[in-house]
Amino acid sequence: MPRVLAILLCVLTLFAVSVTVVLAAYDGTIYQAQKALKERGYNPGALDGLGGKKTEEALRKFQQEKGLPVSGKLDEKTKEGLGIKERSSDAASSKSAADATSSKSAAWESYQQSSHPADVLVKRCAAEAGIPANDPKHPITPGELLRLTSCIDRSR
């Protein structure tokens, strides 16, 4: 029994770390850049707001073709070239997101309707793991948790 608890604790820790890393690494500006690059015919990889080698390669190609300094980084000139602007609605959406989490049912509803790339990833992986997506009270089993974290890890 102690061995089972130790394994369960390890799996839960792995899941928490995986989800935290995905959520902490998400950057809305990177997501906007990935979307803008894809719309212009470049391949930034997955539109996940996480960046990576494909996003950097797409940024380099875009920068080179537009005569910008080629760095593969999303600097101000590149943002301007892609038409990315800081949105004043970000503060409003942050406030409404905080309001939505004031109750568990509102938070669950918000999550279910979310198109945030990190939420989409978790929902897709939950579906692949066979975890009921419409039941916030479903107790996740260790096997489901392992399949979920494996999917998230493969998606990075």
Foldseek 3Di string as FASTA:
>chain_A
DVVVVVVLVVLVVLLVVLLCCLVVQADPLLLLLCVLLVVVPAHQDDSQRNGDDSQLVSLQVVCVVVVHPRDSDCDPVSCVVSVHDDDPCVVVVVVVQVVQVPDPVSNLVCLVPDPRNSSVQLLVQLVVLVHDSPDPPDDDDSSSSNSSSVSSVVVD
